[in-house]
């Protein structure tokens, strides 16, 4: 029996949208009540159309998966380039400036300007690290897992803070942290960041999560 929009239907034929040994759904064709039933030739015609439709759906799904995979590979390449090139160069520049500070210790004003430049580089490195983290988690494998949810916590907090907390995650947190514990970790991280925002007037927040023999979450402002 069919109800709702199907009221008034008479003969109905339904054929599966076959994909390999399974099916991705069904194609149903109906006639108004009082019309003659479908004969064998019409059922064969509908079955042939369903086979073509199933092929088209499968091709579309495969194309979408290929495009998603290409995007993920591109994000991973960008993340590697940022890590291997940008961060290393920024770090090397910071080290050079720090050594310069010692050479101009007798010029306090110049030394202070160099120290500020080093601090700016440190901030830039944290921003780049957060960007790398986002590239490797957003819409990729583990989407919706603990790794992604901690990144989302930092991203959400940035709207109120005016800056993005840095995030560092070590270990296979998505595979070794149970779901129930993951809920607590996310809640604690969000509360710690919120407290830093409301009470500490923080200008920098670092979130560090690691998982090996134990799960450790550290939020520093």
N, C-alpha and C. Protein backbone atom coordinates (compact mmCIF):
# COMPACT_ATOMS: atom_id res chain seq x y z
N UNK A 1 0.83 -1.21 0.00
CA UNK A 1 0.00 0.00 0.00
C UNK A 1 0.87 1.25 0.00
N UNK A 2 0.38 2.29 -0.66
CA UNK A 2 1.09 3.56 -0.74
C UNK A 2 0.15 4.65 -0.28
N UNK A 3 0.65 5.63 0.44
CA UNK A 3 -0.20 6.70 0.93
C UNK A 3 0.33 8.05 0.52
N UNK A 4 -0.32 9.10 1.00
CA UNK A 4 0.14 10.45 0.74
C UNK A 4 0.06 10.77 -0.73
N UNK A 5 1.21 11.14 -1.34
CA UNK A 5 1.26 11.51 -2.75
C UNK A 5 0.96 10.33 -3.65
N UNK A 6 1.02 9.09 -3.10
CA UNK A 6 0.80 7.90 -3.92
C UNK A 6 -0.68 7.52 -4.00
N UNK A 7 -1.53 8.25 -3.30
CA UNK A 7 -2.94 7.92 -3.36
C UNK A 7 -3.45 8.11 -4.78
N UNK A 8 -4.26 7.17 -5.22
CA UNK A 8 -4.78 7.22 -6.58
C UNK A 8 -3.96 6.43 -7.57
N UNK A 9 -2.83 5.88 -7.11
CA UNK A 9 -2.02 5.05 -7.99
C UNK A 9 -2.64 3.67 -8.14
N UNK A 10 -2.48 3.12 -9.35
CA UNK A 10 -2.93 1.77 -9.60
C UNK A 10 -1.75 0.83 -9.72
N UNK A 11 -1.51 0.29 -10.90
CA UNK A 11 -0.38 -0.62 -11.08
C UNK A 11 0.96 0.08 -10.84
N UNK A 12 1.86 -0.60 -10.16
CA UNK A 12 3.19 -0.05 -9.85
C UNK A 12 4.23 -1.12 -10.15
N UNK A 13 5.34 -0.70 -10.75
CA UNK A 13 6.47 -1.59 -10.94
C UNK A 13 7.69 -0.93 -10.31
N UNK A 14 8.50 -1.70 -9.59
CA UNK A 14 9.72 -1.19 -8.95
C UNK A 14 10.87 -2.12 -9.29
N UNK A 15 12.00 -1.54 -9.71
CA UNK A 15 13.18 -2.33 -10.06
C UNK A 15 14.38 -1.74 -9.33
N UNK A 16 15.33 -2.58 -8.91
CA UNK A 16 16.50 -2.07 -8.17
C UNK A 16 17.48 -1.35 -9.09
N UNK A 17 18.18 -0.37 -8.52
CA UNK A 17 19.30 0.28 -9.20
C UNK A 17 20.55 -0.51 -8.83
N UNK A 18 20.87 -1.50 -9.63
CA UNK A 18 21.93 -2.46 -9.28
C UNK A 18 23.31 -1.86 -9.50
N UNK A 19 24.18 -2.06 -8.49
CA UNK A 19 25.59 -1.70 -8.57
C UNK A 19 26.38 -2.89 -8.06
N UNK A 20 27.03 -3.62 -8.96
CA UNK A 20 27.74 -4.83 -8.58
C UNK A 20 26.76 -5.86 -8.06
N UNK A 21 27.03 -6.36 -6.86
CA UNK A 21 26.15 -7.36 -6.26
C UNK A 21 25.10 -6.72 -5.36
N UNK A 22 25.13 -5.40 -5.22
CA UNK A 22 24.17 -4.72 -4.36
C UNK A 22 23.27 -3.80 -5.15
N UNK A 23 22.64 -2.88 -4.44
CA UNK A 23 21.74 -1.92 -5.08
C UNK A 23 21.85 -0.59 -4.35
N UNK A 24 21.73 0.51 -5.10
CA UNK A 24 21.80 1.85 -4.53
C UNK A 24 20.43 2.48 -4.36
N UNK A 25 19.41 1.70 -4.51
CA UNK A 25 18.06 2.22 -4.40
C UNK A 25 17.15 1.49 -5.35
N UNK A 26 16.05 2.12 -5.69
CA UNK A 26 15.09 1.49 -6.59
C UNK A 26 14.41 2.55 -7.44
N UNK A 27 14.00 2.15 -8.61
CA UNK A 27 13.24 3.01 -9.50
C UNK A 27 11.81 2.49 -9.53
N UNK A 28 10.86 3.35 -9.23
CA UNK A 28 9.46 2.93 -9.17
C UNK A 28 8.64 3.73 -10.17
N UNK A 29 7.80 3.05 -10.89
CA UNK A 29 6.95 3.68 -11.89
C UNK A 29 5.52 3.24 -11.65
N UNK A 30 4.60 4.19 -11.61
CA UNK A 30 3.21 3.84 -11.33
C UNK A 30 2.25 4.43 -12.35
N UNK A 31 1.09 3.84 -12.43
CA UNK A 31 0.03 4.33 -13.30
C UNK A 31 -1.19 4.68 -12.45
N UNK A 32 -2.04 5.57 -12.95
CA UNK A 32 -3.25 5.91 -12.20
C UNK A 32 -4.15 4.68 -12.01
N UNK A 33 -4.91 4.73 -10.97
CA UNK A 33 -5.83 3.63 -10.68
C UNK A 33 -6.76 3.41 -11.88
N UNK A 34 -7.01 2.16 -12.18
CA UNK A 34 -7.89 1.81 -13.28
C UNK A 34 -7.16 1.54 -14.58
N UNK A 35 -5.86 1.91 -14.64
CA UNK A 35 -5.09 1.64 -15.86
C UNK A 35 -4.61 0.19 -15.84
N UNK A 36 -4.29 -0.38 -17.02
CA UNK A 36 -3.85 -1.78 -17.06
C UNK A 36 -2.48 -1.95 -16.41
N UNK A 37 -2.19 -3.16 -15.91
CA UNK A 37 -0.88 -3.40 -15.30
C UNK A 37 0.24 -3.38 -16.34
N UNK A 38 1.48 -3.29 -15.86
CA UNK A 38 2.65 -3.31 -16.74
C UNK A 38 2.85 -4.73 -17.27
N UNK A 39 3.13 -4.83 -18.58
CA UNK A 39 3.41 -6.16 -19.14
C UNK A 39 4.91 -6.43 -19.10
N UNK A 40 5.31 -7.61 -19.52
CA UNK A 40 6.72 -8.03 -19.42
C UNK A 40 7.65 -7.12 -20.21
N UNK A 41 7.21 -6.68 -21.38
CA UNK A 41 8.07 -5.83 -22.20
C UNK A 41 8.29 -4.47 -21.54
N UNK A 42 7.26 -3.95 -20.88
CA UNK A 42 7.41 -2.67 -20.20
C UNK A 42 8.30 -2.81 -18.97
N UNK A 43 8.16 -3.92 -18.25
CA UNK A 43 9.04 -4.16 -17.10
C UNK A 43 10.49 -4.26 -17.55
N UNK A 44 10.72 -4.95 -18.69
CA UNK A 44 12.09 -5.07 -19.22
C UNK A 44 12.63 -3.70 -19.60
N UNK A 45 11.79 -2.84 -20.17
CA UNK A 45 12.22 -1.49 -20.56
C UNK A 45 12.59 -0.67 -19.32
N UNK A 46 11.75 -0.75 -18.28
CA UNK A 46 12.04 -0.03 -17.04
C UNK A 46 13.32 -0.56 -16.40
N UNK A 47 13.53 -1.89 -16.45
CA UNK A 47 14.74 -2.48 -15.88
C UNK A 47 15.98 -2.00 -16.62
N UNK A 48 15.90 -1.92 -17.95
CA UNK A 48 17.04 -1.42 -18.71
C UNK A 48 17.36 0.03 -18.38
N UNK A 49 16.31 0.85 -18.23
CA UNK A 49 16.52 2.25 -17.87
C UNK A 49 17.16 2.34 -16.47
N UNK A 50 16.68 1.49 -15.55
CA UNK A 50 17.23 1.50 -14.19
C UNK A 50 18.72 1.14 -14.20
N UNK A 51 19.10 0.19 -15.06
CA UNK A 51 20.52 -0.18 -15.15
C UNK A 51 21.35 1.00 -15.62
N UNK A 52 20.84 1.75 -16.62
CA UNK A 52 21.57 2.92 -17.11
C UNK A 52 21.64 4.01 -16.04
N UNK A 53 20.54 4.18 -15.31
CA UNK A 53 20.53 5.18 -14.25
C UNK A 53 21.52 4.82 -13.15
N UNK A 54 21.61 3.52 -12.82
CA UNK A 54 22.55 3.07 -11.78
C UNK A 54 23.99 3.35 -12.21
N UNK A 55 24.29 3.11 -13.50
CA UNK A 55 25.64 3.39 -14.01
C UNK A 55 25.95 4.88 -13.90
N UNK A 56 24.96 5.72 -14.28
CA UNK A 56 25.18 7.17 -14.21
C UNK A 56 25.41 7.62 -12.77
N UNK A 57 24.64 7.08 -11.83
CA UNK A 57 24.82 7.44 -10.42
C UNK A 57 26.19 7.01 -9.91
N UNK A 58 26.62 5.81 -10.32
CA UNK A 58 27.92 5.31 -9.87
C UNK A 58 29.06 6.14 -10.45
N UNK A 59 28.93 6.54 -11.72
CA UNK A 59 29.95 7.39 -12.33
C UNK A 59 30.02 8.74 -11.62
N UNK A 60 28.84 9.30 -11.31
CA UNK A 60 28.81 10.59 -10.62
C UNK A 60 29.45 10.47 -9.23
N UNK A 61 29.15 9.38 -8.53
CA UNK A 61 29.75 9.16 -7.20
C UNK A 61 31.27 9.02 -7.31
N UNK A 62 31.73 8.25 -8.31
CA UNK A 62 33.16 8.08 -8.50
C UNK A 62 33.84 9.38 -8.84
N UNK A 63 33.19 10.22 -9.67
CA UNK A 63 33.76 11.51 -10.03
C UNK A 63 33.86 12.41 -8.81
N UNK A 64 32.81 12.41 -7.98
CA UNK A 64 32.82 13.24 -6.77
C UNK A 64 33.93 12.79 -5.82
N UNK A 65 34.11 11.47 -5.67
CA UNK A 65 35.16 10.97 -4.79
C UNK A 65 36.54 11.33 -5.32
N UNK A 66 36.70 11.27 -6.65
CA UNK A 66 37.99 11.63 -7.25
C UNK A 66 38.30 13.10 -7.02
N UNK A 67 37.28 13.96 -7.16
CA UNK A 67 37.49 15.39 -6.94
C UNK A 67 37.83 15.66 -5.48
N UNK A 68 37.13 14.96 -4.57
CA UNK A 68 37.42 15.14 -3.14
C UNK A 68 38.83 14.68 -2.80
N UNK A 69 39.24 13.56 -3.41
CA UNK A 69 40.59 13.06 -3.17
C UNK A 69 41.64 14.03 -3.70
N UNK A 70 41.36 14.63 -4.87
CA UNK A 70 42.30 15.60 -5.45
C UNK A 70 42.44 16.81 -4.53
N UNK A 71 41.32 17.27 -3.96
CA UNK A 71 41.36 18.41 -3.04
C UNK A 71 42.17 18.05 -1.80
N UNK A 72 41.96 16.84 -1.28
CA UNK A 72 42.70 16.41 -0.08
C UNK A 72 44.19 16.32 -0.37
N UNK A 73 44.55 15.78 -1.54
CA UNK A 73 45.97 15.70 -1.90
C UNK A 73 46.57 17.10 -2.03
N UNK A 74 45.79 18.02 -2.62
CA UNK A 74 46.28 19.38 -2.80
C UNK A 74 46.47 20.06 -1.45
N UNK A 75 45.53 19.86 -0.54
CA UNK A 75 45.68 20.43 0.80
C UNK A 75 46.89 19.86 1.51
N UNK A 76 47.11 18.55 1.35
CA UNK A 76 48.24 17.92 2.01
C UNK A 76 49.55 18.46 1.44
N UNK A 77 49.58 18.67 0.13
CA UNK A 77 50.80 19.23 -0.50
C UNK A 77 51.07 20.63 0.02
N UNK A 78 50.02 21.46 0.09
CA UNK A 78 50.18 22.83 0.60
C UNK A 78 50.67 22.80 2.04
N UNK A 79 50.08 21.89 2.84
CA UNK A 79 50.49 21.78 4.24
C UNK A 79 51.96 21.39 4.35
N UNK A 80 52.39 20.44 3.51
CA UNK A 80 53.82 20.03 3.55
C UNK A 80 54.72 21.19 3.15
N UNK A 81 54.31 21.93 2.11
CA UNK A 81 55.12 23.06 1.66
C UNK A 81 55.23 24.12 2.75
N UNK A 82 54.10 24.40 3.41
CA UNK A 82 54.12 25.39 4.48
C UNK A 82 55.03 24.94 5.61
N UNK A 83 54.95 23.65 5.95
CA UNK A 83 55.75 23.14 7.06
C UNK A 83 57.23 23.11 6.70
N UNK A 84 57.53 22.58 5.52
CA UNK A 84 58.93 22.35 5.14
C UNK A 84 59.64 23.63 4.72
N UNK A 85 58.91 24.58 4.15
CA UNK A 85 59.55 25.78 3.63
C UNK A 85 59.30 26.99 4.52
N UNK A 86 58.01 27.34 4.68
CA UNK A 86 57.69 28.59 5.38
C UNK A 86 58.14 28.57 6.83
N UNK A 87 57.76 27.52 7.57
CA UNK A 87 58.08 27.50 9.01
C UNK A 87 59.58 27.42 9.23
N UNK A 88 60.27 26.59 8.44
CA UNK A 88 61.72 26.46 8.62
C UNK A 88 62.42 27.79 8.36
N UNK A 89 61.98 28.51 7.32
CA UNK A 89 62.62 29.80 7.02
C UNK A 89 62.31 30.83 8.09
N UNK A 90 61.07 30.85 8.55
CA UNK A 90 60.72 31.78 9.62
C UNK A 90 61.53 31.47 10.88
N UNK A 91 61.65 30.19 11.20
CA UNK A 91 62.41 29.81 12.38
C UNK A 91 63.87 30.22 12.24
N UNK A 92 64.44 29.98 11.06
CA UNK A 92 65.84 30.36 10.83
C UNK A 92 66.03 31.86 10.94
N UNK A 93 65.07 32.62 10.41
CA UNK A 93 65.16 34.08 10.50
C UNK A 93 65.09 34.53 11.96
N UNK A 94 64.19 33.90 12.73
CA UNK A 94 64.10 34.24 14.15
C UNK A 94 65.39 33.96 14.89
N UNK A 95 66.03 32.83 14.60
CA UNK A 95 67.30 32.50 15.24
C UNK A 95 68.37 33.54 14.89
N UNK A 96 68.38 33.95 13.62
CA UNK A 96 69.35 34.97 13.21
C UNK A 96 69.14 36.28 13.95
N UNK A 97 67.88 36.68 14.07
CA UNK A 97 67.57 37.92 14.77
C UNK A 97 67.93 37.82 16.25
N UNK A 98 67.70 36.65 16.86
CA UNK A 98 68.05 36.49 18.27
C UNK A 98 69.55 36.63 18.48
N UNK A 99 70.34 36.08 17.57
CA UNK A 99 71.80 36.24 17.69
C UNK A 99 72.20 37.69 17.47
N UNK A 100 71.45 38.40 16.63
CA UNK A 100 71.74 39.82 16.40
C UNK A 100 71.48 40.64 17.66
N UNK A 101 70.46 40.22 18.42
CA UNK A 101 70.14 40.94 19.66
C UNK A 101 71.34 40.99 20.59
N UNK A 102 72.04 39.88 20.68
CA UNK A 102 73.23 39.86 21.56
C UNK A 102 74.32 40.78 21.04
N UNK A 103 74.38 40.93 19.70
CA UNK A 103 75.44 41.76 19.12
C UNK A 103 75.17 43.25 19.31
N UNK A 104 73.89 43.60 19.55
CA UNK A 104 73.57 45.03 19.72
C UNK A 104 73.04 45.29 21.13
N UNK A 105 73.51 44.50 22.08
CA UNK A 105 73.04 44.65 23.46
C UNK A 105 73.32 46.04 24.01
N UNK A 106 74.33 46.74 23.47
CA UNK A 106 74.66 48.07 23.96
C UNK A 106 73.78 49.15 23.34
N UNK A 107 72.81 48.73 22.51
CA UNK A 107 71.87 49.68 21.90
C UNK A 107 70.45 49.22 22.25
N UNK A 108 69.97 49.56 23.42
CA UNK A 108 68.70 49.03 23.93
C UNK A 108 67.51 49.23 22.98
N UNK A 109 67.44 50.39 22.34
CA UNK A 109 66.30 50.66 21.47
C UNK A 109 66.29 49.71 20.28
N UNK A 110 67.46 49.52 19.66
CA UNK A 110 67.55 48.61 18.52
C UNK A 110 67.31 47.17 18.95
N UNK A 111 67.83 46.79 20.12
CA UNK A 111 67.64 45.43 20.62
C UNK A 111 66.17 45.15 20.88
N UNK A 112 65.45 46.14 21.40
CA UNK A 112 64.02 45.97 21.67
C UNK A 112 63.24 45.79 20.37
N UNK A 113 63.62 46.54 19.33
CA UNK A 113 62.94 46.39 18.04
C UNK A 113 63.18 44.99 17.47
N UNK A 114 64.37 44.47 17.65
CA UNK A 114 64.66 43.12 17.16
C UNK A 114 63.85 42.09 17.95
N UNK A 115 63.75 42.29 19.28
CA UNK A 115 62.97 41.36 20.09
C UNK A 115 61.50 41.35 19.67
N UNK A 116 60.97 42.54 19.36
CA UNK A 116 59.59 42.60 18.89
C UNK A 116 59.43 41.87 17.56
N UNK A 117 60.43 42.00 16.71
CA UNK A 117 60.37 41.29 15.42
C UNK A 117 60.39 39.78 15.63
N UNK A 118 61.19 39.32 16.60
CA UNK A 118 61.22 37.89 16.91
C UNK A 118 59.87 37.43 17.44
N UNK A 119 59.23 38.23 18.30
CA UNK A 119 57.91 37.89 18.80
C UNK A 119 56.90 37.81 17.67
N UNK A 120 57.00 38.75 16.72
CA UNK A 120 56.10 38.72 15.57
C UNK A 120 56.30 37.45 14.75
N UNK A 121 57.55 37.03 14.60
CA UNK A 121 57.82 35.80 13.88
C UNK A 121 57.24 34.59 14.60
N UNK A 122 57.36 34.58 15.93
CA UNK A 122 56.76 33.48 16.70
C UNK A 122 55.26 33.42 16.50
N UNK A 123 54.61 34.59 16.50
CA UNK A 123 53.16 34.63 16.27
C UNK A 123 52.82 34.12 14.88
N UNK A 124 53.62 34.53 13.89
CA UNK A 124 53.39 34.08 12.51
C UNK A 124 53.53 32.58 12.40
N UNK A 125 54.53 32.02 13.07
CA UNK A 125 54.73 30.57 13.05
C UNK A 125 53.52 29.86 13.64
N UNK A 126 52.96 30.38 14.73
CA UNK A 126 51.78 29.76 15.32
C UNK A 126 50.59 29.81 14.36
N UNK A 127 50.46 30.95 13.65
CA UNK A 127 49.36 31.07 12.69
C UNK A 127 49.53 30.06 11.56
N UNK A 128 50.76 29.93 11.06
CA UNK A 128 51.02 28.98 9.97
C UNK A 128 50.77 27.56 10.44
N UNK A 129 51.19 27.24 11.66
CA UNK A 129 50.95 25.90 12.19
C UNK A 129 49.44 25.61 12.28
N UNK A 130 48.66 26.59 12.72
CA UNK A 130 47.22 26.41 12.80
C UNK A 130 46.62 26.21 11.41
N UNK A 131 47.16 26.95 10.43
CA UNK A 131 46.69 26.79 9.06
C UNK A 131 47.00 25.40 8.53
N UNK A 132 48.20 24.91 8.81
CA UNK A 132 48.58 23.55 8.41
C UNK A 132 47.64 22.54 9.05
N UNK A 133 47.35 22.75 10.33
CA UNK A 133 46.46 21.84 11.05
C UNK A 133 45.08 21.82 10.41
N UNK A 134 44.57 23.02 10.07
CA UNK A 134 43.25 23.10 9.44
C UNK A 134 43.24 22.40 8.08
N UNK A 135 44.31 22.58 7.31
CA UNK A 135 44.38 21.96 5.98
C UNK A 135 44.35 20.45 6.09
N UNK A 136 44.94 19.92 7.14
CA UNK A 136 45.06 18.47 7.27
C UNK A 136 43.87 17.84 7.99
N UNK A 137 42.96 18.67 8.53
CA UNK A 137 41.83 18.08 9.24
C UNK A 137 40.48 18.39 8.62
N UNK A 138 40.29 19.59 8.08
CA UNK A 138 38.99 19.97 7.58
C UNK A 138 38.59 19.14 6.39
N UNK A 139 37.45 18.44 6.50
CA UNK A 139 36.88 17.62 5.43
C UNK A 139 37.75 16.46 5.02
N UNK A 140 38.77 16.18 5.80
CA UNK A 140 39.63 15.05 5.45
C UNK A 140 39.32 13.86 6.30
N UNK A 141 40.21 12.82 6.27
CA UNK A 141 39.99 11.66 7.12
C UNK A 141 39.91 12.07 8.58
N UNK A 142 39.00 11.49 9.33
CA UNK A 142 38.85 11.84 10.73
C UNK A 142 37.98 13.05 10.95
N UNK A 143 37.36 13.55 9.83
CA UNK A 143 36.45 14.69 9.97
C UNK A 143 35.39 14.34 11.00
N UNK A 144 35.22 15.19 12.03
CA UNK A 144 34.29 14.91 13.09
C UNK A 144 34.93 14.22 14.27
N UNK A 145 36.22 13.80 14.15
CA UNK A 145 36.93 13.17 15.24
C UNK A 145 37.47 14.20 16.22
N UNK A 146 38.19 13.71 17.23
CA UNK A 146 38.71 14.59 18.28
C UNK A 146 39.66 15.64 17.70
N UNK A 147 40.53 15.22 16.80
CA UNK A 147 41.48 16.16 16.19
C UNK A 147 40.74 17.33 15.54
N UNK A 148 39.72 17.00 14.76
CA UNK A 148 38.96 18.04 14.08
C UNK A 148 38.18 18.91 15.06
N UNK A 149 37.63 18.28 16.11
CA UNK A 149 36.81 19.04 17.06
C UNK A 149 37.64 20.01 17.89
N UNK A 150 38.88 19.63 18.20
CA UNK A 150 39.76 20.58 18.90
C UNK A 150 40.09 21.76 18.00
N UNK A 151 40.33 21.49 16.72
CA UNK A 151 40.58 22.58 15.76
C UNK A 151 39.36 23.48 15.66
N UNK A 152 38.16 22.88 15.66
CA UNK A 152 36.94 23.67 15.61
C UNK A 152 36.79 24.53 16.87
N UNK A 153 37.20 23.99 18.02
CA UNK A 153 37.15 24.75 19.27
C UNK A 153 38.00 26.01 19.17
N UNK A 154 39.21 25.85 18.61
CA UNK A 154 40.10 27.01 18.43
C UNK A 154 39.52 27.99 17.42
N UNK A 155 38.94 27.46 16.36
CA UNK A 155 38.38 28.33 15.32
C UNK A 155 37.19 29.12 15.86
N UNK A 156 36.34 28.46 16.63
CA UNK A 156 35.18 29.14 17.21
C UNK A 156 35.61 30.21 18.20
N UNK A 157 36.62 29.89 19.01
CA UNK A 157 37.10 30.85 20.02
C UNK A 157 37.69 32.09 19.39
N UNK A 158 38.25 31.95 18.19
CA UNK A 158 38.92 33.09 17.55
C UNK A 158 37.96 34.25 17.30
N UNK A 159 36.67 33.95 17.15
CA UNK A 159 35.70 35.03 16.89
C UNK A 159 35.58 35.97 18.09
N UNK A 160 35.62 35.41 19.29
CA UNK A 160 35.52 36.24 20.49
C UNK A 160 36.88 36.82 20.89
N UNK A 161 37.93 36.04 20.64
CA UNK A 161 39.26 36.47 21.08
C UNK A 161 39.87 37.54 20.18
N UNK A 162 39.58 37.45 18.89
CA UNK A 162 40.23 38.35 17.94
C UNK A 162 41.52 37.78 17.40
N UNK A 163 41.87 36.56 17.83
CA UNK A 163 43.04 35.87 17.30
C UNK A 163 42.78 34.37 17.42
N UNK A 164 43.52 33.59 16.65
CA UNK A 164 43.32 32.14 16.64
C UNK A 164 44.27 31.47 17.64
N UNK A 165 43.75 30.76 18.62
CA UNK A 165 44.64 29.98 19.49
C UNK A 165 45.45 28.98 18.66
N UNK A 166 46.69 28.78 19.04
CA UNK A 166 47.50 27.79 18.34
C UNK A 166 47.12 26.40 18.83
N UNK A 167 47.25 25.41 17.96
CA UNK A 167 46.88 24.04 18.28
C UNK A 167 48.03 23.12 17.92
N UNK A 168 48.40 22.26 18.87
CA UNK A 168 49.41 21.22 18.60
C UNK A 168 48.86 19.89 19.11
N UNK A 169 48.81 18.90 18.24
CA UNK A 169 48.28 17.59 18.61
C UNK A 169 49.31 16.53 18.27
N UNK A 170 49.66 15.73 19.25
CA UNK A 170 50.64 14.66 19.07
C UNK A 170 49.98 13.32 19.37
N UNK A 171 50.26 12.35 18.52
CA UNK A 171 49.73 11.01 18.75
C UNK A 171 48.43 10.76 18.01
N UNK A 172 48.03 9.50 17.93
CA UNK A 172 46.82 9.10 17.18
C UNK A 172 45.55 9.32 18.00
N UNK A 173 45.23 10.59 18.27
CA UNK A 173 44.13 10.88 19.19
C UNK A 173 42.79 10.35 18.68
N UNK A 174 42.58 10.36 17.37
CA UNK A 174 41.29 9.91 16.84
C UNK A 174 41.06 8.42 17.01
N UNK A 175 42.15 7.65 17.09
CA UNK A 175 41.99 6.20 17.14
C UNK A 175 42.12 5.63 18.55
N UNK A 176 42.80 6.34 19.46
CA UNK A 176 43.04 5.76 20.79
C UNK A 176 42.19 6.38 21.89
N UNK A 177 41.60 7.54 21.64
CA UNK A 177 40.80 8.20 22.68
C UNK A 177 39.34 7.76 22.52
N UNK A 178 38.76 7.10 23.54
CA UNK A 178 37.36 6.67 23.45
C UNK A 178 36.42 7.86 23.28
N UNK A 179 35.27 7.62 22.67
CA UNK A 179 34.31 8.69 22.39
C UNK A 179 33.90 9.44 23.65
N UNK A 180 33.63 8.69 24.73
CA UNK A 180 33.18 9.34 25.96
C UNK A 180 34.25 10.27 26.52
N UNK A 181 35.51 9.82 26.49
CA UNK A 181 36.61 10.65 26.96
C UNK A 181 36.82 11.84 26.03
N UNK A 182 36.66 11.63 24.73
CA UNK A 182 36.81 12.72 23.77
C UNK A 182 35.83 13.85 24.05
N UNK A 183 34.59 13.48 24.45
CA UNK A 183 33.60 14.50 24.79
C UNK A 183 34.11 15.37 25.94
N UNK A 184 34.71 14.74 26.95
CA UNK A 184 35.24 15.50 28.10
C UNK A 184 36.42 16.38 27.68
N UNK A 185 37.28 15.85 26.81
CA UNK A 185 38.45 16.62 26.36
C UNK A 185 38.00 17.88 25.64
N UNK A 186 37.04 17.75 24.74
CA UNK A 186 36.54 18.91 24.00
C UNK A 186 35.90 19.92 24.95
N UNK A 187 35.12 19.42 25.91
CA UNK A 187 34.46 20.31 26.87
C UNK A 187 35.47 21.07 27.72
N UNK A 188 36.50 20.36 28.18
CA UNK A 188 37.53 21.01 29.01
C UNK A 188 38.30 22.05 28.19
N UNK A 189 38.64 21.71 26.96
CA UNK A 189 39.36 22.65 26.10
C UNK A 189 38.53 23.91 25.87
N UNK A 190 37.25 23.74 25.57
CA UNK A 190 36.38 24.89 25.32
C UNK A 190 36.25 25.76 26.57
N UNK A 191 36.10 25.12 27.73
CA UNK A 191 35.96 25.88 28.98
C UNK A 191 37.25 26.62 29.33
N UNK A 192 38.39 25.95 29.11
CA UNK A 192 39.67 26.60 29.42
C UNK A 192 39.91 27.81 28.52
N UNK A 193 39.61 27.67 27.24
CA UNK A 193 39.77 28.79 26.32
C UNK A 193 38.80 29.92 26.67
N UNK A 194 37.57 29.55 27.04
CA UNK A 194 36.58 30.56 27.43
C UNK A 194 37.03 31.33 28.68
N UNK A 195 37.57 30.60 29.66
CA UNK A 195 38.06 31.26 30.88
C UNK A 195 39.22 32.21 30.58
N UNK A 196 40.12 31.77 29.71
CA UNK A 196 41.25 32.63 29.33
C UNK A 196 40.75 33.90 28.65
N UNK A 197 39.71 33.74 27.86
CA UNK A 197 39.15 34.89 27.15
C UNK A 197 38.48 35.87 28.11
N UNK A 198 37.73 35.34 29.08
CA UNK A 198 36.93 36.20 29.97
C UNK A 198 37.72 36.78 31.13
N UNK A 199 38.66 36.00 31.66
CA UNK A 199 39.30 36.39 32.91
C UNK A 199 40.78 36.77 32.79
N UNK A 200 41.48 36.21 31.80
CA UNK A 200 42.93 36.44 31.74
C UNK A 200 43.32 37.56 30.79
N UNK A 201 42.33 38.04 30.00
CA UNK A 201 42.65 39.04 28.97
C UNK A 201 43.86 38.59 28.15
N UNK A 202 43.81 37.35 27.72
CA UNK A 202 44.95 36.74 27.06
C UNK A 202 45.18 37.33 25.67
N UNK A 203 46.44 37.46 25.31
CA UNK A 203 46.81 37.86 23.95
C UNK A 203 47.35 36.66 23.17
N UNK A 204 47.47 35.54 23.86
CA UNK A 204 47.96 34.31 23.21
C UNK A 204 47.44 33.11 23.99
N UNK A 205 46.96 32.12 23.27
CA UNK A 205 46.50 30.88 23.88
C UNK A 205 47.05 29.71 23.07
N UNK A 206 47.65 28.76 23.76
CA UNK A 206 48.20 27.57 23.11
C UNK A 206 47.44 26.34 23.62
N UNK A 207 46.93 25.53 22.70
CA UNK A 207 46.24 24.28 23.04
C UNK A 207 47.13 23.13 22.61
N UNK A 208 47.49 22.25 23.54
CA UNK A 208 48.33 21.10 23.23
C UNK A 208 47.62 19.84 23.71
N UNK A 209 47.49 18.87 22.82
CA UNK A 209 46.84 17.60 23.14
C UNK A 209 47.74 16.47 22.70
N UNK A 210 47.97 15.51 23.59
CA UNK A 210 48.78 14.35 23.23
C UNK A 210 48.11 13.08 23.73
N UNK A 211 48.40 11.98 23.04
CA UNK A 211 47.82 10.69 23.43
C UNK A 211 48.83 9.60 23.17
N UNK A 212 49.29 8.94 24.24
CA UNK A 212 50.09 7.73 24.11
C UNK A 212 49.63 6.79 25.22
N UNK A 213 50.36 6.71 26.33
CA UNK A 213 49.87 5.91 27.46
C UNK A 213 48.77 6.65 28.22
N UNK A 214 48.75 7.96 28.09
CA UNK A 214 47.72 8.77 28.74
C UNK A 214 47.32 9.88 27.78
N UNK A 215 46.17 10.48 28.04
CA UNK A 215 45.70 11.62 27.25
C UNK A 215 45.98 12.88 28.07
N UNK A 216 46.72 13.81 27.48
CA UNK A 216 47.09 15.04 28.18
C UNK A 216 46.65 16.24 27.37
N UNK A 217 45.87 17.11 28.00
CA UNK A 217 45.44 18.36 27.38
C UNK A 217 46.01 19.51 28.19
N UNK A 218 46.72 20.41 27.52
CA UNK A 218 47.28 21.58 28.18
C UNK A 218 46.83 22.83 27.43
N UNK A 219 46.23 23.76 28.16
CA UNK A 219 45.82 25.04 27.58
C UNK A 219 46.57 26.13 28.32
N UNK A 220 47.41 26.85 27.61
CA UNK A 220 48.27 27.88 28.22
C UNK A 220 47.92 29.23 27.65
N UNK A 221 47.72 30.23 28.53
CA UNK A 221 47.47 31.60 28.06
C UNK A 221 48.57 32.50 28.59
